[in-house]
Amino acid sequence: MVGGALLRDARGFLSHARRRWMVALGGGAASIASYGLALWAMTIAPVAVVAALREISILFAMALAALVLKERVGPVRLASGVVIVLGAASLRLAA
């Protein structure tokens, strides 16, 4: 991502990075923590259960986007949510 941003608009990217480095650092730390937490969860629970729970978190993000950010949940996004629920249910039932 950084490489693409630098190729597209190096000056703008670097300017933005200088102003918002704390946000980037926090986002990177949260991403690493999330990955570590998922790996840890897979050591104490079946992988299918952890995978299903991770997929369900996308639904929470979609609900927050709709309720807090007032994003529109159209038919495509709704259908995607249904597919996620069906996939998570099949993962859970397979365990």
PDB file of N, CA and C in Angstrom:
ATOM      1  N   MET A   1       0.823  -1.184   0.000  1.00  0.00           N
ATOM      2  CA  MET A   1       0.000   0.000   0.000  1.00  0.00           C
ATOM      3  C   MET A   1       0.871   1.253   0.000  1.00  0.00           C
ATOM      4  N   VAL A   2       1.895   1.238   0.809  1.00  0.00           N
ATOM      5  CA  VAL A   2       2.767   2.413   0.885  1.00  0.00           C
ATOM      6  C   VAL A   2       3.436   2.650  -0.460  1.00  0.00           C
ATOM      7  N   GLY A   3       3.906   1.586  -1.090  1.00  0.00           N
ATOM      8  CA  GLY A   3       4.551   1.719  -2.386  1.00  0.00           C
ATOM      9  C   GLY A   3       3.616   2.318  -3.433  1.00  0.00           C
ATOM     10  N   GLY A   4       2.380   1.856  -3.456  1.00  0.00           N
ATOM     11  CA  GLY A   4       1.395   2.390  -4.400  1.00  0.00           C
ATOM     12  C   GLY A   4       1.099   3.855  -4.138  1.00  0.00           C
ATOM     13  N   ALA A   5       0.980   4.211  -2.862  1.00  0.00           N
ATOM     14  CA  ALA A   5       0.716   5.612  -2.516  1.00  0.00           C
ATOM     15  C   ALA A   5       1.894   6.496  -2.892  1.00  0.00           C
ATOM     16  N   LEU A   6       3.095   5.991  -2.701  1.00  0.00           N
ATOM     17  CA  LEU A   6       4.280   6.767  -3.075  1.00  0.00           C
ATOM     18  C   LEU A   6       4.378   6.950  -4.584  1.00  0.00           C
ATOM     19  N   LEU A   7       4.044   5.914  -5.347  1.00  0.00           N
ATOM     20  CA  LEU A   7       4.069   6.032  -6.800  1.00  0.00           C
ATOM     21  C   LEU A   7       3.003   7.002  -7.307  1.00  0.00           C
ATOM     22  N   ARG A   8       1.864   6.986  -6.665  1.00  0.00           N
ATOM     23  CA  ARG A   8       0.748   7.826  -7.125  1.00  0.00           C
ATOM     24  C   ARG A   8       0.969   9.296  -6.796  1.00  0.00           C
ATOM     25  N   ASP A   9       1.333   9.577  -5.531  1.00  0.00           N
ATOM     26  CA  ASP A   9       1.491  10.975  -5.104  1.00  0.00           C
ATOM     27  C   ASP A   9       2.445  11.005  -3.914  1.00  0.00           C
ATOM     28  N   ALA A  10       3.731  10.938  -4.194  1.00  0.00           N
ATOM     29  CA  ALA A  10       4.734  10.839  -3.136  1.00  0.00           C
ATOM     30  C   ALA A  10       4.700  12.046  -2.210  1.00  0.00           C
ATOM     31  N   ARG A  11       4.635  13.236  -2.760  1.00  0.00           N
ATOM     32  CA  ARG A  11       4.648  14.449  -1.937  1.00  0.00           C
ATOM     33  C   ARG A  11       3.426  14.510  -1.016  1.00  0.00           C
ATOM     34  N   GLY A  12       2.256  14.232  -1.566  1.00  0.00           N
ATOM     35  CA  GLY A  12       1.036  14.245  -0.761  1.00  0.00           C
ATOM     36  C   GLY A  12       1.050  13.170   0.319  1.00  0.00           C
ATOM     37  N   PHE A  13       1.536  11.982  -0.053  1.00  0.00           N
ATOM     38  CA  PHE A  13       1.591  10.892   0.916  1.00  0.00           C
ATOM     39  C   PHE A  13       2.524  11.227   2.076  1.00  0.00           C
ATOM     40  N   LEU A  14       3.711  11.715   1.743  1.00  0.00           N
ATOM     41  CA  LEU A  14       4.686  12.038   2.789  1.00  0.00           C
ATOM     42  C   LEU A  14       4.191  13.168   3.683  1.00  0.00           C
ATOM     43  N   SER A  15       3.528  14.141   3.100  1.00  0.00           N
ATOM     44  CA  SER A  15       2.967  15.239   3.889  1.00  0.00           C
ATOM     45  C   SER A  15       1.901  14.709   4.856  1.00  0.00           C
ATOM     46  N   HIS A  16       1.035  13.863   4.337  1.00  0.00           N
ATOM     47  CA  HIS A  16      -0.016  13.283   5.176  1.00  0.00           C
ATOM     48  C   HIS A  16       0.594  12.395   6.262  1.00  0.00           C
ATOM     49  N   ALA A  17       1.608  11.614   5.901  1.00  0.00           N
ATOM     50  CA  ALA A  17       2.248  10.715   6.866  1.00  0.00           C
ATOM     51  C   ALA A  17       2.921  11.497   7.994  1.00  0.00           C
ATOM     52  N   ARG A  18       3.507  12.647   7.673  1.00  0.00           N
ATOM     53  CA  ARG A  18       4.136  13.470   8.713  1.00  0.00           C
ATOM     54  C   ARG A  18       3.106  14.015   9.694  1.00  0.00           C
ATOM     55  N   ARG A  19       1.936  14.365   9.180  1.00  0.00           N
ATOM     56  CA  ARG A  19       0.899  14.931  10.050  1.00  0.00           C
ATOM     57  C   ARG A  19       0.153  13.863  10.851  1.00  0.00           C
ATOM     58  N   ARG A  20       0.008  12.658  10.310  1.00  0.00           N
ATOM     59  CA  ARG A  20      -0.842  11.643  10.933  1.00  0.00           C
ATOM     60  C   ARG A  20      -0.078  10.386  11.348  1.00  0.00           C
ATOM     61  N   TRP A  21       1.184  10.509  11.717  1.00  0.00           N
ATOM     62  CA  TRP A  21       1.989   9.340  12.029  1.00  0.00           C
ATOM     63  C   TRP A  21       1.488   8.598  13.259  1.00  0.00           C
ATOM     64  N   MET A  22       0.893   9.309  14.213  1.00  0.00           N
ATOM     65  CA  MET A  22       0.384   8.637  15.421  1.00  0.00           C
ATOM     66  C   MET A  22      -0.810   7.739  15.073  1.00  0.00           C
ATOM     67  N   VAL A  23      -1.656   8.195  14.170  1.00  0.00           N
ATOM     68  CA  VAL A  23      -2.804   7.392  13.748  1.00  0.00           C
ATOM     69  C   VAL A  23      -2.312   6.128  13.036  1.00  0.00           C
ATOM     70  N   ALA A  24      -1.324   6.284  12.164  1.00  0.00           N
ATOM     71  CA  ALA A  24      -0.769   5.134  11.453  1.00  0.00           C
ATOM     72  C   ALA A  24      -0.128   4.145  12.425  1.00  0.00           C
ATOM     73  N   LEU A  25       0.582   4.663  13.403  1.00  0.00           N
ATOM     74  CA  LEU A  25       1.212   3.805  14.402  1.00  0.00           C
ATOM     75  C   LEU A  25       0.154   3.040  15.205  1.00  0.00           C
ATOM     76  N   GLY A  26      -0.904   3.723  15.593  1.00  0.00           N
ATOM     77  CA  GLY A  26      -1.989   3.069  16.330  1.00  0.00           C
ATOM     78  C   GLY A  26      -2.697   2.017  15.494  1.00  0.00           C
ATOM     79  N   GLY A  27      -2.947   2.331  14.214  1.00  0.00           N
ATOM     80  CA  GLY A  27      -3.590   1.360  13.324  1.00  0.00           C
ATOM     81  C   GLY A  27      -2.725   0.139  13.106  1.00  0.00           C
ATOM     82  N   GLY A  28      -1.428   0.346  12.938  1.00  0.00           N
ATOM     83  CA  GLY A  28      -0.513  -0.780  12.773  1.00  0.00           C
ATOM     84  C   GLY A  28      -0.466  -1.654  14.019  1.00  0.00           C
ATOM     85  N   ALA A  29      -0.432  -1.028  15.183  1.00  0.00           N
ATOM     86  CA  ALA A  29      -0.420  -1.784  16.440  1.00  0.00           C
ATOM     87  C   ALA A  29      -1.713  -2.578  16.616  1.00  0.00           C
ATOM     88  N   ALA A  30      -2.837  -1.961  16.269  1.00  0.00           N
ATOM     89  CA  ALA A  30      -4.119  -2.657  16.380  1.00  0.00           C
ATOM     90  C   ALA A  30      -4.187  -3.843  15.424  1.00  0.00           C
ATOM     91  N   SER A  31      -3.635  -3.688  14.234  1.00  0.00           N
ATOM     92  CA  SER A  31      -3.624  -4.773  13.259  1.00  0.00           C
ATOM     93  C   SER A  31      -2.780  -5.946  13.750  1.00  0.00           C
ATOM     94  N   ILE A  32      -1.608  -5.652  14.287  1.00  0.00           N
ATOM     95  CA  ILE A  32      -0.738  -6.706  14.814  1.00  0.00           C
ATOM     96  C   ILE A  32      -1.394  -7.387  16.015  1.00  0.00           C
ATOM     97  N   ALA A  33      -2.011  -6.611  16.887  1.00  0.00           N
ATOM     98  CA  ALA A  33      -2.689  -7.182  18.057  1.00  0.00           C
ATOM     99  C   ALA A  33      -3.848  -8.077  17.638  1.00  0.00           C
ATOM    100  N   SER A  34      -4.603  -7.656  16.638  1.00  0.00           N
ATOM    101  CA  SER A  34      -5.724  -8.451  16.148  1.00  0.00           C
ATOM    102  C   SER A  34      -5.242  -9.795  15.594  1.00  0.00           C
ATOM    103  N   TYR A  35      -4.180  -9.760  14.820  1.00  0.00           N
ATOM    104  CA  TYR A  35      -3.626 -10.993  14.256  1.00  0.00           C
ATOM    105  C   TYR A  35      -3.112 -11.910  15.359  1.00  0.00           C
ATOM    106  N   GLY A  36      -2.405 -11.345  16.321  1.00  0.00           N
ATOM    107  CA  GLY A  36      -1.904 -12.137  17.442  1.00  0.00           C
ATOM    108  C   GLY A  36      -3.022 -12.735  18.269  1.00  0.00           C
ATOM    109  N   LEU A  37      -4.073 -11.972  18.475  1.00  0.00           N
ATOM    110  CA  LEU A  37      -5.222 -12.463  19.234  1.00  0.00           C
ATOM    111  C   LEU A  37      -5.900 -13.626  18.514  1.00  0.00           C
ATOM    112  N   ALA A  38      -6.027 -13.519  17.197  1.00  0.00           N
ATOM    113  CA  ALA A  38      -6.624 -14.617  16.426  1.00  0.00           C
ATOM    114  C   ALA A  38      -5.748 -15.866  16.492  1.00  0.00           C
ATOM    115  N   LEU A  39      -4.440 -15.695  16.382  1.00  0.00           N
ATOM    116  CA  LEU A  39      -3.538 -16.855  16.496  1.00  0.00           C
ATOM    117  C   LEU A  39      -3.640 -17.498  17.877  1.00  0.00           C
ATOM    118  N   TRP A  40      -3.676 -16.671  18.902  1.00  0.00           N
ATOM    119  CA  TRP A  40      -3.803 -17.195  20.267  1.00  0.00           C
ATOM    120  C   TRP A  40      -5.124 -17.942  20.432  1.00  0.00           C
ATOM    121  N   ALA A  41      -6.204 -17.372  19.901  1.00  0.00           N
ATOM    122  CA  ALA A  41      -7.519 -18.021  20.022  1.00  0.00           C
ATOM    123  C   ALA A  41      -7.517 -19.379  19.342  1.00  0.00           C
ATOM    124  N   MET A  42      -6.783 -19.485  18.236  1.00  0.00           N
ATOM    125  CA  MET A  42      -6.722 -20.771  17.527  1.00  0.00           C
ATOM    126  C   MET A  42      -5.939 -21.829  18.292  1.00  0.00           C
ATOM    127  N   THR A  43      -5.166 -21.429  19.292  1.00  0.00           N
ATOM    128  CA  THR A  43      -4.454 -22.416  20.104  1.00  0.00           C
ATOM    129  C   THR A  43      -5.334 -22.988  21.211  1.00  0.00           C
ATOM    130  N   ILE A  44      -6.420 -22.294  21.539  1.00  0.00           N
ATOM    131  CA  ILE A  44      -7.268 -22.782  22.636  1.00  0.00           C
ATOM    132  C   ILE A  44      -8.670 -23.179  22.194  1.00  0.00           C
ATOM    133  N   ALA A  45      -9.029 -22.902  20.942  1.00  0.00           N
ATOM    134  CA  ALA A  45     -10.354 -23.250  20.436  1.00  0.00           C
ATOM    135  C   ALA A  45     -10.196 -23.836  19.036  1.00  0.00           C
ATOM    136  N   PRO A  46     -11.189 -24.587  18.590  1.00  0.00           N
ATOM    137  CA  PRO A  46     -11.120 -25.117  17.217  1.00  0.00           C
ATOM    138  C   PRO A  46     -11.033 -23.980  16.190  1.00  0.00           C
ATOM    139  N   VAL A  47     -10.262 -24.219  15.150  1.00  0.00           N
ATOM    140  CA  VAL A  47     -10.034 -23.192  14.129  1.00  0.00           C
ATOM    141  C   VAL A  47     -11.355 -22.759  13.493  1.00  0.00           C
ATOM    142  N   ALA A  48     -12.269 -23.685  13.261  1.00  0.00           N
ATOM    143  CA  ALA A  48     -13.549 -23.341  12.628  1.00  0.00           C
ATOM    144  C   ALA A  48     -14.345 -22.350  13.478  1.00  0.00           C
ATOM    145  N   VAL A  49     -14.293 -22.521  14.777  1.00  0.00           N
ATOM    146  CA  VAL A  49     -15.020 -21.600  15.664  1.00  0.00           C
ATOM    147  C   VAL A  49     -14.412 -20.205  15.603  1.00  0.00           C
ATOM    148  N   VAL A  50     -13.096 -20.134  15.644  1.00  0.00           N
ATOM    149  CA  VAL A  50     -12.407 -18.840  15.583  1.00  0.00           C
ATOM    150  C   VAL A  50     -12.656 -18.180  14.233  1.00  0.00           C
ATOM    151  N   ALA A  51     -12.587 -18.953  13.161  1.00  0.00           N
ATOM    152  CA  ALA A  51     -12.824 -18.402  11.822  1.00  0.00           C
ATOM    153  C   ALA A  51     -14.251 -17.867  11.696  1.00  0.00           C
ATOM    154  N   ALA A  52     -15.213 -18.602  12.231  1.00  0.00           N
ATOM    155  CA  ALA A  52     -16.600 -18.139  12.177  1.00  0.00           C
ATOM    156  C   ALA A  52     -16.768 -16.837  12.958  1.00  0.00           C
ATOM    157  N   LEU A  53     -16.141 -16.747  14.098  1.00  0.00           N
ATOM    158  CA  LEU A  53     -16.232 -15.533  14.906  1.00  0.00           C
ATOM    159  C   LEU A  53     -15.584 -14.348  14.202  1.00  0.00           C
ATOM    160  N   ARG A  54     -14.458 -14.585  13.539  1.00  0.00           N
ATOM    161  CA  ARG A  54     -13.794 -13.506  12.792  1.00  0.00           C
ATOM    162  C   ARG A  54     -14.675 -13.022  11.650  1.00  0.00           C
ATOM    163  N   GLU A  55     -15.379 -13.910  10.994  1.00  0.00           N
ATOM    164  CA  GLU A  55     -16.263 -13.506   9.901  1.00  0.00           C
ATOM    165  C   GLU A  55     -17.447 -12.704  10.430  1.00  0.00           C
ATOM    166  N   ILE A  56     -17.951 -13.094  11.578  1.00  0.00           N
ATOM    167  CA  ILE A  56     -19.081 -12.371  12.160  1.00  0.00           C
ATOM    168  C   ILE A  56     -18.682 -10.937  12.531  1.00  0.00           C
ATOM    169  N   SER A  57     -17.411 -10.713  12.837  1.00  0.00           N
ATOM    170  CA  SER A  57     -16.974  -9.355  13.178  1.00  0.00           C
ATOM    171  C   SER A  57     -17.179  -8.396  12.009  1.00  0.00           C
ATOM    172  N   ILE A  58     -17.170  -8.911  10.783  1.00  0.00           N
ATOM    173  CA  ILE A  58     -17.443  -8.065   9.617  1.00  0.00           C
ATOM    174  C   ILE A  58     -18.869  -7.542   9.673  1.00  0.00           C
ATOM    175  N   LEU A  59     -19.779  -8.361  10.168  1.00  0.00           N
ATOM    176  CA  LEU A  59     -21.169  -7.909  10.308  1.00  0.00           C
ATOM    177  C   LEU A  59     -21.290  -6.788  11.338  1.00  0.00           C
ATOM    178  N   PHE A  60     -20.522  -6.887  12.425  1.00  0.00           N
ATOM    179  CA  PHE A  60     -20.527  -5.804  13.415  1.00  0.00           C
ATOM    180  C   PHE A  60     -20.000  -4.514  12.797  1.00  0.00           C
ATOM    181  N   ALA A  61     -18.949  -4.630  11.994  1.00  0.00           N
ATOM    182  CA  ALA A  61     -18.402  -3.453  11.323  1.00  0.00           C
ATOM    183  C   ALA A  61     -19.425  -2.859  10.363  1.00  0.00           C
ATOM    184  N   MET A  62     -20.157  -3.706   9.658  1.00  0.00           N
ATOM    185  CA  MET A  62     -21.185  -3.223   8.739  1.00  0.00           C
ATOM    186  C   MET A  62     -22.312  -2.524   9.499  1.00  0.00           C
ATOM    187  N   ALA A  63     -22.705  -3.085  10.632  1.00  0.00           N
ATOM    188  CA  ALA A  63     -23.752  -2.460  11.440  1.00  0.00           C
ATOM    189  C   ALA A  63     -23.290  -1.115  12.001  1.00  0.00           C
ATOM    190  N   LEU A  64     -22.055  -1.050  12.480  1.00  0.00           N
ATOM    191  CA  LEU A  64     -21.527   0.223  12.987  1.00  0.00           C
ATOM    192  C   LEU A  64     -21.435   1.266  11.876  1.00  0.00           C
ATOM    193  N   ALA A  65     -21.028   0.844  10.688  1.00  0.00           N
ATOM    194  CA  ALA A  65     -20.946   1.780   9.567  1.00  0.00           C
ATOM    195  C   ALA A  65     -22.328   2.338   9.240  1.00  0.00           C
ATOM    196  N   ALA A  66     -23.336   1.488   9.304  1.00  0.00           N
ATOM    197  CA  ALA A  66     -24.690   1.940   8.996  1.00  0.00           C
ATOM    198  C   ALA A  66     -25.246   2.836  10.102  1.00  0.00           C
ATOM    199  N   LEU A  67     -25.040   2.450  11.356  1.00  0.00           N
ATOM    200  CA  LEU A  67     -25.646   3.184  12.469  1.00  0.00           C
ATOM    201  C   LEU A  67     -24.870   4.435  12.861  1.00  0.00           C
ATOM    202  N   VAL A  68     -23.553   4.329  12.903  1.00  0.00           N
ATOM    203  CA  VAL A  68     -22.738   5.449  13.376  1.00  0.00           C
ATOM    204  C   VAL A  68     -22.332   6.367  12.229  1.00  0.00           C
ATOM    205  N   LEU A  69     -21.858   5.771  11.139  1.00  0.00           N
ATOM    206  CA  LEU A  69     -21.367   6.572  10.021  1.00  0.00           C
ATOM    207  C   LEU A  69     -22.461   6.922   9.012  1.00  0.00           C
ATOM    208  N   LYS A  70     -23.650   6.359   9.236  1.00  0.00           N
ATOM    209  CA  LYS A  70     -24.816   6.613   8.371  1.00  0.00           C
ATOM    210  C   LYS A  70     -24.566   6.186   6.924  1.00  0.00           C
ATOM    211  N   GLU A  71     -23.795   5.106   6.747  1.00  0.00           N
ATOM    212  CA  GLU A  71     -23.588   4.571   5.408  1.00  0.00           C
ATOM    213  C   GLU A  71     -24.834   3.808   4.978  1.00  0.00           C
ATOM    214  N   ARG A  72     -25.082   3.795   3.679  1.00  0.00           N
ATOM    215  CA  ARG A  72     -26.249   3.117   3.137  1.00  0.00           C
ATOM    216  C   ARG A  72     -25.976   1.616   3.025  1.00  0.00           C
ATOM    217  N   VAL A  73     -26.898   0.819   3.504  1.00  0.00           N
ATOM    218  CA  VAL A  73     -26.797  -0.639   3.373  1.00  0.00           C
ATOM    219  C   VAL A  73     -27.757  -1.045   2.269  1.00  0.00           C
ATOM    220  N   GLY A  74     -27.222  -1.167   1.071  1.00  0.00           N
ATOM    221  CA  GLY A  74     -28.034  -1.521  -0.091  1.00  0.00           C
ATOM    222  C   GLY A  74     -28.159  -3.020  -0.251  1.00  0.00           C
ATOM    223  N   PRO A  75     -28.791  -3.432  -1.328  1.00  0.00           N
ATOM    224  CA  PRO A  75     -29.014  -4.865  -1.554  1.00  0.00           C
ATOM    225  C   PRO A  75     -27.725  -5.678  -1.675  1.00  0.00           C
ATOM    226  N   VAL A  76     -26.697  -5.115  -2.292  1.00  0.00           N
ATOM    227  CA  VAL A  76     -25.443  -5.861  -2.450  1.00  0.00           C
ATOM    228  C   VAL A  76     -24.789  -6.077  -1.098  1.00  0.00           C
ATOM    229  N   ARG A  77     -24.748  -5.045  -0.277  1.00  0.00           N
ATOM    230  CA  ARG A  77     -24.137  -5.168   1.050  1.00  0.00           C
ATOM    231  C   ARG A  77     -24.955  -6.108   1.930  1.00  0.00           C
ATOM    232  N   LEU A  78     -26.264  -6.033   1.809  1.00  0.00           N
ATOM    233  CA  LEU A  78     -27.135  -6.930   2.583  1.00  0.00           C
ATOM    234  C   LEU A  78     -26.926  -8.381   2.153  1.00  0.00           C
ATOM    235  N   ALA A  79     -26.833  -8.611   0.850  1.00  0.00           N
ATOM    236  CA  ALA A  79     -26.584  -9.969   0.350  1.00  0.00           C
ATOM    237  C   ALA A  79     -25.220 -10.465   0.821  1.00  0.00           C
ATOM    238  N   SER A  80     -24.237  -9.588   0.848  1.00  0.00           N
ATOM    239  CA  SER A  80     -22.914  -9.970   1.348  1.00  0.00           C
ATOM    240  C   SER A  80     -22.992 -10.394   2.810  1.00  0.00           C
ATOM    241  N   GLY A  81     -23.775  -9.677   3.590  1.00  0.00           N
ATOM    242  CA  GLY A  81     -23.960 -10.038   4.995  1.00  0.00           C
ATOM    243  C   GLY A  81     -24.596 -11.413   5.146  1.00  0.00           C
ATOM    244  N   VAL A  82     -25.575 -11.699   4.309  1.00  0.00           N
ATOM    245  CA  VAL A  82     -26.228 -13.009   4.355  1.00  0.00           C
ATOM    246  C   VAL A  82     -25.231 -14.115   3.999  1.00  0.00           C
ATOM    247  N   VAL A  83     -24.392 -13.871   2.996  1.00  0.00           N
ATOM    248  CA  VAL A  83     -23.377 -14.858   2.609  1.00  0.00           C
ATOM    249  C   VAL A  83     -22.399 -15.094   3.762  1.00  0.00           C
ATOM    250  N   ILE A  84     -22.023 -14.015   4.468  1.00  0.00           N
ATOM    251  CA  ILE A  84     -21.122 -14.158   5.616  1.00  0.00           C
ATOM    252  C   ILE A  84     -21.773 -15.004   6.705  1.00  0.00           C
ATOM    253  N   VAL A  85     -23.029 -14.748   6.989  1.00  0.00           N
ATOM    254  CA  VAL A  85     -23.740 -15.515   8.019  1.00  0.00           C
ATOM    255  C   VAL A  85     -23.819 -16.994   7.615  1.00  0.00           C
ATOM    256  N   LEU A  86     -24.144 -17.256   6.356  1.00  0.00           N
ATOM    257  CA  LEU A  86     -24.224 -18.641   5.895  1.00  0.00           C
ATOM    258  C   LEU A  86     -22.859 -19.329   5.951  1.00  0.00           C
ATOM    259  N   GLY A  87     -21.814 -18.608   5.572  1.00  0.00           N
ATOM    260  CA  GLY A  87     -20.470 -19.172   5.631  1.00  0.00           C
ATOM    261  C   GLY A  87     -20.042 -19.454   7.060  1.00  0.00           C
ATOM    262  N   ALA A  88     -20.320 -18.511   7.959  1.00  0.00           N
ATOM    263  CA  ALA A  88     -19.959 -18.715   9.362  1.00  0.00           C
ATOM    264  C   ALA A  88     -20.745 -19.879   9.961  1.00  0.00           C
ATOM    265  N   ALA A  89     -22.001 -19.986   9.597  1.00  0.00           N
ATOM    266  CA  ALA A  89     -22.810 -21.097  10.112  1.00  0.00           C
ATOM    267  C   ALA A  89     -22.283 -22.438   9.581  1.00  0.00           C
ATOM    268  N   SER A  90     -21.891 -22.453   8.322  1.00  0.00           N
ATOM    269  CA  SER A  90     -21.369 -23.723   7.771  1.00  0.00           C
ATOM    270  C   SER A  90     -20.029 -24.082   8.411  1.00  0.00           C
ATOM    271  N   LEU A  91     -19.193 -23.085   8.678  1.00  0.00           N
ATOM    272  CA  LEU A  91     -17.931 -23.357   9.382  1.00  0.00           C
ATOM    273  C   LEU A  91     -18.213 -23.920  10.775  1.00  0.00           C
ATOM    274  N   ARG A  92     -19.168 -23.331  11.440  1.00  0.00           N
ATOM    275  CA  ARG A  92     -19.489 -23.770  12.810  1.00  0.00           C
ATOM    276  C   ARG A  92     -20.072 -25.173  12.796  1.00  0.00           C
ATOM    277  N   LEU A  93     -20.945 -25.460  11.830  1.00  0.00           N
ATOM    278  CA  LEU A  93     -21.550 -26.775  11.773  1.00  0.00           C
ATOM    279  C   LEU A  93     -20.545 -27.854  11.369  1.00  0.00           C
ATOM    280  N   ALA A  94     -19.502 -27.478  10.640  1.00  0.00           N
ATOM    281  CA  ALA A  94     -18.493 -28.432  10.206  1.00  0.00           C
ATOM    282  C   ALA A  94     -17.564 -28.837  11.354  1.00  0.00           C
ATOM    283  N   ALA A  95     -17.525 -28.017  12.388  1.00  0.00           N
ATOM    284  CA  ALA A  95     -16.606 -28.289  13.499  1.00  0.00           C
ATOM    285  C   ALA A  95     -17.109 -29.425  14.371  1.00  0.00           C
TER     286      ALA A  95
END
